[in-house]
Amino acid sequence: MSITPFDEDYALDEAALRAHLRRMVEAGVGVYLGSPGTGEGHALTADELRRVYEIGVEECKGRVPVYANPPEGRTVEQLRARMEIARAAGVDLVQAYTVDAGHGMRPTEKEQDAYYRELFDGFDYPLGLSVNMLAGGYANPVRLLVGLVRDFPQIEVVNVNNPPISALAELIDELGTRVRFYTDAFMYPDAITLGASGCLTGHVNVVPYLIRALGESLARGDMDTASSAFHDLFRLQRAAAQFGTDPLPQNWSGRWIKATMAALGQPGHSDGRMRRPYATPTHEELTRFSEHLRSQGIDTIERKYR
């Protein structure tokens, strides 16, 4: 779930985005672009989304998977327009989130089904579905997802980003190898035993080699490396909780990710700048945060896994 860097005028920082994506390519990890959480997708204009997708394709395609993660729409027309921008840019796959309910609305299963079917009808391009209660605020019934996957062959990926892990087990039982399944990094040790293909997380912006090591070590049964990487991932999360986030591993906000990148001087951080309503950290805040991270040894984590 890639960040979106901004320059001193809070315009899209294309040079910083390229530097960041090249780091992801070097580490061998795929990217989701323009995510509504980590990538501040809702703060991007249609033209900015287009440039993010185009730059992602230029830097990543053919090297690592490059997917679009358009921000949720409140109507089919809103999300479909964003999906069309991604398709025109040539990304490998477009993920569709649930309808942006808003104002306390919780769509019924019938309403969700109608939304997806209208959205996907005629969109003949590789698709992904996302199960993310923290983002949408409501659940996707397993039978709804199973029906969509069976009726729309262009669906290639289902991302189950939150517990319960039982939902992932049921989906895999129903669909087998028809699609690839991915989970949050903190769920992956359980998910890989059920047949998940990998994990996706915003943490990869900060520690791409650690995330890759976690996945590869679990896949080959190297529990020593997997245990080390998993503990380090939680160490990072606890340390980052000191900067405007909470210690929950499922926190997808770009706030702590950009601040951590800036505090550690990583490519593409753009001084942690974020679009309103997020507040950009001050130089003093980043200096204190940098000292805190280094005191916790966070600046040395990646060296262990390169």
C-alpha atoms as a PDB file:
ATOM      1  CA  MET A   1       0.000   0.000   0.000  1.00  0.00           C
ATOM      2  CA  SER A   2       2.246   2.775  -1.310  1.00  0.00           C
ATOM      3  CA  ILE A   3       2.373   6.278   0.119  1.00  0.00           C
ATOM      4  CA  THR A   4       1.825   9.302  -2.127  1.00  0.00           C
ATOM      5  CA  PRO A   5       4.551  11.959  -1.630  1.00  0.00           C
ATOM      6  CA  PHE A   6       3.850  15.718  -1.856  1.00  0.00           C
ATOM      7  CA  ASP A   7       6.231  18.603  -2.452  1.00  0.00           C
ATOM      8  CA  GLU A   8       6.607  21.863  -0.515  1.00  0.00           C
ATOM      9  CA  ASP A   9       3.494  23.258  -2.221  1.00  0.00           C
ATOM     10  CA  TYR A  10       1.576  20.045  -1.454  1.00  0.00           C
ATOM     11  CA  ALA A  11       1.451  19.098  -5.109  1.00  0.00           C
ATOM     12  CA  LEU A  12       2.185  15.531  -6.194  1.00  0.00           C
ATOM     13  CA  ASP A  13       5.940  15.014  -5.849  1.00  0.00           C
ATOM     14  CA  GLU A  14       6.678  12.877  -8.893  1.00  0.00           C
ATOM     15  CA  ALA A  15      10.416  12.641  -8.283  1.00  0.00           C
ATOM     16  CA  ALA A  16       9.892  11.457  -4.712  1.00  0.00           C
ATOM     17  CA  LEU A  17       7.282   8.926  -5.847  1.00  0.00           C
ATOM     18  CA  ARG A  18       9.693   7.511  -8.410  1.00  0.00           C
ATOM     19  CA  ALA A  19      12.461   7.254  -5.797  1.00  0.00           C
ATOM     20  CA  HIS A  20      10.113   5.454  -3.431  1.00  0.00           C
ATOM     21  CA  LEU A  21       8.828   3.025  -6.069  1.00  0.00           C
ATOM     22  CA  ARG A  22      12.359   2.205  -7.187  1.00  0.00           C
ATOM     23  CA  ARG A  23      13.132   1.228  -3.609  1.00  0.00           C
ATOM     24  CA  MET A  24      10.108  -1.088  -3.631  1.00  0.00           C
ATOM     25  CA  VAL A  25      11.237  -2.629  -6.933  1.00  0.00           C
ATOM     26  CA  GLU A  26      14.749  -3.129  -5.564  1.00  0.00           C
ATOM     27  CA  ALA A  27      13.273  -4.967  -2.570  1.00  0.00           C
ATOM     28  CA  GLY A  28      11.113  -7.115  -4.852  1.00  0.00           C
ATOM     29  CA  VAL A  29       7.722  -6.170  -3.433  1.00  0.00           C
ATOM     30  CA  GLY A  30       4.603  -5.275  -5.409  1.00  0.00           C
ATOM     31  CA  VAL A  31       2.658  -2.046  -4.902  1.00  0.00           C
ATOM     32  CA  TYR A  32      -0.907  -0.816  -4.623  1.00  0.00           C
ATOM     33  CA  LEU A  33      -1.156   2.798  -5.805  1.00  0.00           C
ATOM     34  CA  GLY A  34      -3.407   5.613  -4.576  1.00  0.00           C
ATOM     35  CA  SER A  35      -4.819   3.677  -1.635  1.00  0.00           C
ATOM     36  CA  PRO A  36      -7.515   5.625   0.245  1.00  0.00           C
ATOM     37  CA  GLY A  37      -5.644   5.039   3.513  1.00  0.00           C
ATOM     38  CA  THR A  38      -1.879   4.845   3.146  1.00  0.00           C
ATOM     39  CA  GLY A  39      -1.916   6.584  -0.233  1.00  0.00           C
ATOM     40  CA  GLU A  40      -4.314   9.411   0.738  1.00  0.00           C
ATOM     41  CA  GLY A  41      -6.388   8.529  -2.316  1.00  0.00           C
ATOM     42  CA  HIS A  42      -9.416  10.619  -1.364  1.00  0.00           C
ATOM     43  CA  ALA A  43      -7.209  13.729  -1.287  1.00  0.00           C
ATOM     44  CA  LEU A  44      -6.046  13.197  -4.883  1.00  0.00           C
ATOM     45  CA  THR A  45      -7.710  14.709  -7.921  1.00  0.00           C
ATOM     46  CA  ALA A  46      -8.560  12.576 -10.936  1.00  0.00           C
ATOM     47  CA  ASP A  47      -5.523  13.973 -12.770  1.00  0.00           C
ATOM     48  CA  GLU A  48      -3.263  13.195  -9.800  1.00  0.00           C
ATOM     49  CA  LEU A  49      -4.594   9.649  -9.586  1.00  0.00           C
ATOM     50  CA  ARG A  50      -3.827   9.264 -13.276  1.00  0.00           C
ATOM     51  CA  ARG A  51      -0.241  10.430 -12.794  1.00  0.00           C
ATOM     52  CA  VAL A  52       0.262   8.147  -9.774  1.00  0.00           C
ATOM     53  CA  TYR A  53      -0.901   5.182 -11.851  1.00  0.00           C
ATOM     54  CA  GLU A  54       1.154   6.197 -14.877  1.00  0.00           C
ATOM     55  CA  ILE A  55       4.325   6.668 -12.840  1.00  0.00           C
ATOM     56  CA  GLY A  56       3.726   3.372 -11.078  1.00  0.00           C
ATOM     57  CA  VAL A  57       3.431   1.573 -14.397  1.00  0.00           C
ATOM     58  CA  GLU A  58       6.567   3.258 -15.746  1.00  0.00           C
ATOM     59  CA  GLU A  59       8.629   2.335 -12.686  1.00  0.00           C
ATOM     60  CA  CYS A  60       7.218  -1.057 -11.712  1.00  0.00           C
ATOM     61  CA  LYS A  61       5.454  -2.894 -14.513  1.00  0.00           C
ATOM     62  CA  GLY A  62       7.264  -6.046 -15.565  1.00  0.00           C
ATOM     63  CA  ARG A  63       9.474  -5.838 -12.475  1.00  0.00           C
ATOM     64  CA  VAL A  64       6.980  -6.253  -9.616  1.00  0.00           C
ATOM     65  CA  PRO A  65       3.166  -6.366  -9.551  1.00  0.00           C
ATOM     66  CA  VAL A  66       1.665  -2.890  -9.870  1.00  0.00           C
ATOM     67  CA  TYR A  67      -1.970  -2.602  -8.822  1.00  0.00           C
ATOM     68  CA  ALA A  68      -4.392   0.301  -8.484  1.00  0.00           C
ATOM     69  CA  ASN A  69      -6.281   0.780  -5.243  1.00  0.00           C
ATOM     70  CA  PRO A  70      -8.830   3.506  -6.089  1.00  0.00           C
ATOM     71  CA  PRO A  71     -10.523   5.258  -3.165  1.00  0.00           C
ATOM     72  CA  GLU A  72     -14.050   4.131  -2.390  1.00  0.00           C
ATOM     73  CA  GLY A  73     -16.967   5.740  -4.166  1.00  0.00           C
ATOM     74  CA  ARG A  74     -20.416   6.474  -2.801  1.00  0.00           C
ATOM     75  CA  THR A  75     -21.882   5.552  -6.148  1.00  0.00           C
ATOM     76  CA  VAL A  76     -21.007   3.076  -8.870  1.00  0.00           C
ATOM     77  CA  GLU A  77     -20.296   5.995 -11.202  1.00  0.00           C
ATOM     78  CA  GLN A  78     -17.707   7.506  -8.856  1.00  0.00           C
ATOM     79  CA  LEU A  79     -15.697   4.344  -8.393  1.00  0.00           C
ATOM     80  CA  ARG A  80     -16.067   3.190 -11.991  1.00  0.00           C
ATOM     81  CA  ALA A  81     -14.583   6.489 -13.217  1.00  0.00           C
ATOM     82  CA  ARG A  82     -11.527   5.941 -10.995  1.00  0.00           C
ATOM     83  CA  MET A  83     -11.217   2.348 -12.149  1.00  0.00           C
ATOM     84  CA  GLU A  84     -11.260   3.481 -15.781  1.00  0.00           C
ATOM     85  CA  ILE A  85      -8.386   5.866 -15.078  1.00  0.00           C
ATOM     86  CA  ALA A  86      -6.377   2.961 -13.672  1.00  0.00           C
ATOM     87  CA  ARG A  87      -7.189   0.715 -16.613  1.00  0.00           C
ATOM     88  CA  ALA A  88      -6.137   3.395 -19.091  1.00  0.00           C
ATOM     89  CA  ALA A  89      -2.798   3.757 -17.281  1.00  0.00           C
ATOM     90  CA  GLY A  90      -2.085   0.060 -17.775  1.00  0.00           C
ATOM     91  CA  VAL A  91      -1.837  -1.225 -14.202  1.00  0.00           C
ATOM     92  CA  ASP A  92      -1.808  -4.995 -13.764  1.00  0.00           C
ATOM     93  CA  LEU A  93      -5.000  -5.146 -11.695  1.00  0.00           C
ATOM     94  CA  VAL A  94      -7.633  -2.845 -10.178  1.00  0.00           C
ATOM     95  CA  GLN A  95      -8.941  -3.472  -6.671  1.00  0.00           C
ATOM     96  CA  ALA A  96     -12.504  -2.468  -5.803  1.00  0.00           C
ATOM     97  CA  TYR A  97     -13.428  -1.559  -2.259  1.00  0.00           C
ATOM     98  CA  THR A  98     -16.907  -1.690  -0.791  1.00  0.00           C
ATOM     99  CA  VAL A  99     -19.342   1.166  -1.287  1.00  0.00           C
ATOM    100  CA  ASP A 100     -18.416   4.168   0.855  1.00  0.00           C
ATOM    101  CA  ALA A 101     -21.434   3.982   3.126  1.00  0.00           C
ATOM    102  CA  GLY A 102     -21.027   7.273   4.943  1.00  0.00           C
ATOM    103  CA  HIS A 103     -23.278   8.989   7.474  1.00  0.00           C
ATOM    104  CA  GLY A 104     -24.011   5.794   9.354  1.00  0.00           C
ATOM    105  CA  MET A 105     -25.371   3.861   6.375  1.00  0.00           C
ATOM    106  CA  ARG A 106     -24.707   0.108   6.421  1.00  0.00           C
ATOM    107  CA  PRO A 107     -25.632  -1.530   3.111  1.00  0.00           C
ATOM    108  CA  THR A 108     -27.503  -4.796   3.195  1.00  0.00           C
ATOM    109  CA  GLU A 109     -26.193  -7.890   1.442  1.00  0.00           C
ATOM    110  CA  LYS A 110     -28.664  -7.249  -1.386  1.00  0.00           C
ATOM    111  CA  GLU A 111     -27.426  -3.671  -1.776  1.00  0.00           C
ATOM    112  CA  GLN A 112     -23.775  -4.732  -1.738  1.00  0.00           C
ATOM    113  CA  ASP A 113     -24.418  -7.389  -4.356  1.00  0.00           C
ATOM    114  CA  ALA A 114     -26.214  -4.942  -6.651  1.00  0.00           C
ATOM    115  CA  TYR A 115     -23.402  -2.393  -6.257  1.00  0.00           C
ATOM    116  CA  TYR A 116     -20.644  -4.820  -7.194  1.00  0.00           C
ATOM    117  CA  ARG A 117     -22.541  -6.353 -10.100  1.00  0.00           C
ATOM    118  CA  GLU A 118     -23.277  -2.996 -11.663  1.00  0.00           C
ATOM    119  CA  LEU A 119     -19.662  -1.950 -11.047  1.00  0.00           C
ATOM    120  CA  PHE A 120     -18.116  -5.039 -12.653  1.00  0.00           C
ATOM    121  CA  ASP A 121     -20.552  -5.523 -15.515  1.00  0.00           C
ATOM    122  CA  GLY A 122     -18.657  -4.766 -18.726  1.00  0.00           C
ATOM    123  CA  PHE A 123     -15.368  -4.014 -16.917  1.00  0.00           C
ATOM    124  CA  ASP A 124     -13.298  -6.679 -18.629  1.00  0.00           C
ATOM    125  CA  TYR A 125     -10.015  -6.189 -16.765  1.00  0.00           C
ATOM    126  CA  PRO A 126      -8.221  -8.013 -13.912  1.00  0.00           C
ATOM    127  CA  LEU A 127      -9.977  -7.215 -10.631  1.00  0.00           C
ATOM    128  CA  GLY A 128      -9.439  -7.608  -6.919  1.00  0.00           C
ATOM    129  CA  LEU A 129     -11.924  -7.609  -4.039  1.00  0.00           C
ATOM    130  CA  SER A 130     -11.174  -6.329  -0.552  1.00  0.00           C
ATOM    131  CA  VAL A 131     -12.583  -7.560   2.751  1.00  0.00           C
ATOM    132  CA  ASN A 132     -11.751  -4.755   5.157  1.00  0.00           C
ATOM    133  CA  MET A 133     -14.143  -4.003   8.005  1.00  0.00           C
ATOM    134  CA  LEU A 134     -11.805  -1.374   9.447  1.00  0.00           C
ATOM    135  CA  ALA A 135     -12.099   0.597   6.205  1.00  0.00           C
ATOM    136  CA  GLY A 136     -15.747   0.072   5.336  1.00  0.00           C
ATOM    137  CA  GLY A 137     -17.160  -0.383   8.804  1.00  0.00           C
ATOM    138  CA  TYR A 138     -19.250  -3.385   7.827  1.00  0.00           C
ATOM    139  CA  ALA A 139     -18.806  -6.988   6.744  1.00  0.00           C
ATOM    140  CA  ASN A 140     -18.948  -8.628   3.315  1.00  0.00           C
ATOM    141  CA  PRO A 141     -20.869 -11.908   3.653  1.00  0.00           C
ATOM    142  CA  VAL A 142     -18.800 -14.868   2.467  1.00  0.00           C
ATOM    143  CA  ARG A 143     -21.585 -16.082   0.186  1.00  0.00           C
ATOM    144  CA  LEU A 144     -21.690 -12.653  -1.478  1.00  0.00           C
ATOM    145  CA  LEU A 145     -17.974 -12.801  -2.284  1.00  0.00           C
ATOM    146  CA  VAL A 146     -18.197 -16.402  -3.465  1.00  0.00           C
ATOM    147  CA  GLY A 147     -21.029 -15.514  -5.830  1.00  0.00           C
ATOM    148  CA  LEU A 148     -19.131 -12.560  -7.268  1.00  0.00           C
ATOM    149  CA  VAL A 149     -15.958 -14.571  -7.867  1.00  0.00           C
ATOM    150  CA  ARG A 150     -17.915 -17.332  -9.586  1.00  0.00           C
ATOM    151  CA  ASP A 151     -19.863 -14.933 -11.789  1.00  0.00           C
ATOM    152  CA  PHE A 152     -17.038 -12.568 -12.770  1.00  0.00           C
ATOM    153  CA  PRO A 153     -14.003 -14.451 -14.129  1.00  0.00           C
ATOM    154  CA  GLN A 154     -11.951 -11.253 -14.232  1.00  0.00           C
ATOM    155  CA  ILE A 155     -11.704 -11.322 -10.409  1.00  0.00           C
ATOM    156  CA  GLU A 156      -8.214 -12.684  -9.708  1.00  0.00           C
ATOM    157  CA  VAL A 157      -7.476 -11.587  -6.136  1.00  0.00           C
ATOM    158  CA  VAL A 158      -9.361 -11.440  -2.834  1.00  0.00           C
ATOM    159  CA  ASN A 159      -7.714  -9.474  -0.026  1.00  0.00           C
ATOM    160  CA  VAL A 160      -8.883 -10.412   3.477  1.00  0.00           C
ATOM    161  CA  ASN A 161      -7.349  -7.651   5.554  1.00  0.00           C
ATOM    162  CA  ASN A 162      -8.956  -8.163   8.952  1.00  0.00           C
ATOM    163  CA  PRO A 163      -9.839 -11.020  11.268  1.00  0.00           C
ATOM    164  CA  PRO A 164     -11.710 -13.283  11.688  1.00  0.00           C
ATOM    165  CA  ILE A 165      -9.376 -15.718  10.039  1.00  0.00           C
ATOM    166  CA  SER A 166     -12.374 -18.051   9.823  1.00  0.00           C
ATOM    167  CA  ALA A 167     -13.723 -15.944   6.949  1.00  0.00           C
ATOM    168  CA  LEU A 168     -10.527 -16.565   4.991  1.00  0.00           C
ATOM    169  CA  ALA A 169     -10.765 -20.295   5.711  1.00  0.00           C
ATOM    170  CA  GLU A 170     -14.346 -20.408   4.480  1.00  0.00           C
ATOM    171  CA  LEU A 171     -13.519 -18.461   1.319  1.00  0.00           C
ATOM    172  CA  ILE A 172     -10.609 -20.752   0.485  1.00  0.00           C
ATOM    173  CA  ASP A 173     -12.774 -23.808   1.141  1.00  0.00           C
ATOM    174  CA  GLU A 174     -15.412 -22.482  -1.249  1.00  0.00           C
ATOM    175  CA  LEU A 175     -13.159 -21.124  -3.994  1.00  0.00           C
ATOM    176  CA  GLY A 176      -9.981 -23.183  -3.786  1.00  0.00           C
ATOM    177  CA  THR A 177      -7.359 -21.968  -6.233  1.00  0.00           C
ATOM    178  CA  ARG A 178      -9.827 -20.023  -8.388  1.00  0.00           C
ATOM    179  CA  VAL A 179      -8.335 -16.758  -7.019  1.00  0.00           C
ATOM    180  CA  ARG A 180      -5.258 -15.735  -5.040  1.00  0.00           C
ATOM    181  CA  PHE A 181      -5.805 -14.704  -1.422  1.00  0.00           C
ATOM    182  CA  TYR A 182      -3.789 -12.100   0.494  1.00  0.00           C
ATOM    183  CA  THR A 183      -4.014 -10.899   4.085  1.00  0.00           C
ATOM    184  CA  ASP A 184      -2.604  -8.276   6.379  1.00  0.00           C
ATOM    185  CA  ALA A 185       0.999  -9.013   7.390  1.00  0.00           C
ATOM    186  CA  PHE A 186      -0.026  -9.623  10.997  1.00  0.00           C
ATOM    187  CA  MET A 187      -2.480 -12.314   9.847  1.00  0.00           C
ATOM    188  CA  TYR A 188      -0.076 -13.982   7.448  1.00  0.00           C
ATOM    189  CA  PRO A 189       1.437 -16.648   9.739  1.00  0.00           C
ATOM    190  CA  ASP A 190      -2.073 -18.076  10.156  1.00  0.00           C
ATOM    191  CA  ALA A 191      -3.162 -17.324   6.593  1.00  0.00           C
ATOM    192  CA  ILE A 192      -0.295 -19.123   4.873  1.00  0.00           C
ATOM    193  CA  THR A 193      -1.285 -22.381   6.587  1.00  0.00           C
ATOM    194  CA  LEU A 194      -4.726 -22.004   4.992  1.00  0.00           C
ATOM    195  CA  GLY A 195      -3.326 -21.366   1.514  1.00  0.00           C
ATOM    196  CA  ALA A 196      -2.956 -17.578   1.218  1.00  0.00           C
ATOM    197  CA  SER A 197      -0.497 -16.410  -1.435  1.00  0.00           C
ATOM    198  CA  GLY A 198       0.996 -13.469   0.422  1.00  0.00           C
ATOM    199  CA  CYS A 199       0.366 -10.359   2.488  1.00  0.00           C
ATOM    200  CA  LEU A 200      -0.226  -6.684   1.881  1.00  0.00           C
ATOM    201  CA  THR A 201       0.454  -3.852   4.299  1.00  0.00           C
ATOM    202  CA  GLY A 202       1.421  -0.212   4.584  1.00  0.00           C
ATOM    203  CA  HIS A 203       4.385  -1.191   6.737  1.00  0.00           C
ATOM    204  CA  VAL A 204       6.229  -2.238   3.585  1.00  0.00           C
ATOM    205  CA  ASN A 205       6.856   1.452   2.821  1.00  0.00           C
ATOM    206  CA  VAL A 206       9.176   1.522   5.838  1.00  0.00           C
ATOM    207  CA  VAL A 207      10.538  -2.038   5.951  1.00  0.00           C
ATOM    208  CA  PRO A 208      10.182  -3.687   2.531  1.00  0.00           C
ATOM    209  CA  TYR A 209      12.967  -6.208   3.094  1.00  0.00           C
ATOM    210  CA  LEU A 210      11.509  -7.241   6.439  1.00  0.00           C
ATOM    211  CA  ILE A 211       8.073  -7.851   4.873  1.00  0.00           C
ATOM    212  CA  ARG A 212       9.610  -9.814   2.033  1.00  0.00           C
ATOM    213  CA  ALA A 213      11.671 -11.873   4.503  1.00  0.00           C
ATOM    214  CA  LEU A 214       8.559 -12.607   6.562  1.00  0.00           C
ATOM    215  CA  GLY A 215       6.691 -13.938   3.539  1.00  0.00           C
ATOM    216  CA  GLU A 216       9.570 -15.918   2.082  1.00  0.00           C
ATOM    217  CA  SER A 217      10.629 -17.467   5.390  1.00  0.00           C
ATOM    218  CA  LEU A 218       7.095 -18.595   6.172  1.00  0.00           C
ATOM    219  CA  ALA A 219       6.752 -20.061   2.678  1.00  0.00           C
ATOM    220  CA  ARG A 220       9.906 -22.161   3.034  1.00  0.00           C
ATOM    221  CA  GLY A 221       9.272 -23.113   6.657  1.00  0.00           C
ATOM    222  CA  ASP A 222      12.182 -21.140   8.119  1.00  0.00           C
ATOM    223  CA  MET A 223      10.586 -20.415  11.490  1.00  0.00           C
ATOM    224  CA  ASP A 224      13.683 -18.771  12.997  1.00  0.00           C
ATOM    225  CA  THR A 225      13.738 -16.011  10.371  1.00  0.00           C
ATOM    226  CA  ALA A 226       9.963 -15.733  10.368  1.00  0.00           C
ATOM    227  CA  SER A 227       9.893 -15.339  14.144  1.00  0.00           C
ATOM    228  CA  SER A 228      12.582 -12.664  14.049  1.00  0.00           C
ATOM    229  CA  ALA A 229      10.809 -10.729  11.304  1.00  0.00           C
ATOM    230  CA  PHE A 230       7.435 -10.993  13.026  1.00  0.00           C
ATOM    231  CA  HIS A 231       8.816  -9.716  16.324  1.00  0.00           C
ATOM    232  CA  ASP A 232      10.564  -6.848  14.529  1.00  0.00           C
ATOM    233  CA  LEU A 233       7.307  -5.936  12.796  1.00  0.00           C
ATOM    234  CA  PHE A 234       5.593  -5.593  16.163  1.00  0.00           C
ATOM    235  CA  ARG A 235       8.576  -3.606  17.469  1.00  0.00           C
ATOM    236  CA  LEU A 236       8.139  -1.172  14.599  1.00  0.00           C
ATOM    237  CA  GLN A 237       4.415  -0.873  15.287  1.00  0.00           C
ATOM    238  CA  ARG A 238       4.948  -0.158  18.985  1.00  0.00           C
ATOM    239  CA  ALA A 239       7.622   2.435  18.259  1.00  0.00           C
ATOM    240  CA  ALA A 240       5.517   4.142  15.601  1.00  0.00           C
ATOM    241  CA  ALA A 241       2.620   4.357  18.035  1.00  0.00           C
ATOM    242  CA  GLN A 242       4.518   7.232  19.624  1.00  0.00           C
ATOM    243  CA  PHE A 243       3.690   9.339  16.569  1.00  0.00           C
ATOM    244  CA  GLY A 244      -0.002  10.042  16.196  1.00  0.00           C
ATOM    245  CA  THR A 245      -1.252   6.511  15.670  1.00  0.00           C
ATOM    246  CA  ASP A 246      -2.350   3.618  17.839  1.00  0.00           C
ATOM    247  CA  PRO A 247      -0.586   0.321  18.544  1.00  0.00           C
ATOM    248  CA  LEU A 248      -3.112  -1.779  16.626  1.00  0.00           C
ATOM    249  CA  PRO A 249      -1.357  -3.620  13.789  1.00  0.00           C
ATOM    250  CA  GLN A 250      -4.209  -2.923  11.357  1.00  0.00           C
ATOM    251  CA  ASN A 251      -3.727   0.854  11.407  1.00  0.00           C
ATOM    252  CA  TRP A 252      -3.544   1.883   7.732  1.00  0.00           C
ATOM    253  CA  SER A 253      -3.049   5.638   8.134  1.00  0.00           C
ATOM    254  CA  GLY A 254      -0.243   7.184   6.128  1.00  0.00           C
ATOM    255  CA  ARG A 255       0.463   9.541   9.036  1.00  0.00           C
ATOM    256  CA  TRP A 256       2.827   7.320  10.973  1.00  0.00           C
ATOM    257  CA  ILE A 257       4.264   5.729   7.831  1.00  0.00           C
ATOM    258  CA  LYS A 258       5.354   9.013   6.267  1.00  0.00           C
ATOM    259  CA  ALA A 259       6.601  10.329   9.602  1.00  0.00           C
ATOM    260  CA  THR A 260       8.664   7.180  10.146  1.00  0.00           C
ATOM    261  CA  MET A 261      10.108   7.351   6.636  1.00  0.00           C
ATOM    262  CA  ALA A 262      11.003  11.017   7.141  1.00  0.00           C
ATOM    263  CA  ALA A 263      12.491  10.384  10.578  1.00  0.00           C
ATOM    264  CA  LEU A 264      14.676   7.614   9.137  1.00  0.00           C
ATOM    265  CA  GLY A 265      15.580   9.584   5.991  1.00  0.00           C
ATOM    266  CA  GLN A 266      14.219   6.994   3.577  1.00  0.00           C
ATOM    267  CA  PRO A 267      13.767   7.778  -0.155  1.00  0.00           C
ATOM    268  CA  GLY A 268      10.472   9.420  -1.095  1.00  0.00           C
ATOM    269  CA  HIS A 269       9.456  10.634   2.362  1.00  0.00           C
ATOM    270  CA  SER A 270       8.936  14.295   1.287  1.00  0.00           C
ATOM    271  CA  ASP A 271       9.380  15.427   4.899  1.00  0.00           C
ATOM    272  CA  GLY A 272       6.240  13.555   5.921  1.00  0.00           C
ATOM    273  CA  ARG A 273       3.949  16.032   4.153  1.00  0.00           C
ATOM    274  CA  MET A 274       0.271  15.068   4.073  1.00  0.00           C
ATOM    275  CA  ARG A 275      -2.838  16.587   2.555  1.00  0.00           C
ATOM    276  CA  ARG A 276      -5.566  18.127   4.713  1.00  0.00           C
ATOM    277  CA  PRO A 277      -7.286  17.135   6.942  1.00  0.00           C
ATOM    278  CA  TYR A 278      -4.081  15.371   8.047  1.00  0.00           C
ATOM    279  CA  ALA A 279      -1.506  17.616   9.706  1.00  0.00           C
ATOM    280  CA  THR A 280       2.078  17.569   8.421  1.00  0.00           C
ATOM    281  CA  PRO A 281       4.609  16.993  11.214  1.00  0.00           C
ATOM    282  CA  THR A 282       6.907  19.830  12.161  1.00  0.00           C
ATOM    283  CA  HIS A 283      10.678  19.625  11.953  1.00  0.00           C
ATOM    284  CA  GLU A 284      10.847  19.520  15.751  1.00  0.00           C
ATOM    285  CA  GLU A 285       8.347  16.650  15.921  1.00  0.00           C
ATOM    286  CA  LEU A 286      10.285  14.657  13.343  1.00  0.00           C
ATOM    287  CA  THR A 287      13.570  15.283  15.154  1.00  0.00           C
ATOM    288  CA  ARG A 288      12.143  13.979  18.428  1.00  0.00           C
ATOM    289  CA  PHE A 289      10.535  11.047  16.629  1.00  0.00           C
ATOM    290  CA  SER A 290      13.809  10.201  14.897  1.00  0.00           C
ATOM    291  CA  GLU A 291      15.602  10.129  18.246  1.00  0.00           C
ATOM    292  CA  HIS A 292      12.889   7.864  19.647  1.00  0.00           C
ATOM    293  CA  LEU A 293      13.058   5.421  16.720  1.00  0.00           C
ATOM    294  CA  ARG A 294      16.832   5.211  16.895  1.00  0.00           C
ATOM    295  CA  SER A 295      16.717   4.647  20.646  1.00  0.00           C
ATOM    296  CA  GLN A 296      14.480   1.644  19.928  1.00  0.00           C
ATOM    297  CA  GLY A 297      16.824   0.319  17.241  1.00  0.00           C
ATOM    298  CA  ILE A 298      14.245   0.765  14.478  1.00  0.00           C
ATOM    299  CA  ASP A 299      16.846   2.334  12.178  1.00  0.00           C
ATOM    300  CA  THR A 300      18.771  -0.962  12.007  1.00  0.00           C
ATOM    301  CA  ILE A 301      15.893  -3.395  11.391  1.00  0.00           C
ATOM    302  CA  GLU A 302      16.119  -3.488   7.595  1.00  0.00           C
ATOM    303  CA  ARG A 303      19.824  -4.350   7.586  1.00  0.00           C
ATOM    304  CA  LYS A 304      19.033  -7.772   9.040  1.00  0.00           C
ATOM    305  CA  TYR A 305      16.907  -8.765   6.049  1.00  0.00           C
ATOM    306  CA  ARG A 306      18.646  -7.297   3.016  1.00  0.00           C
END
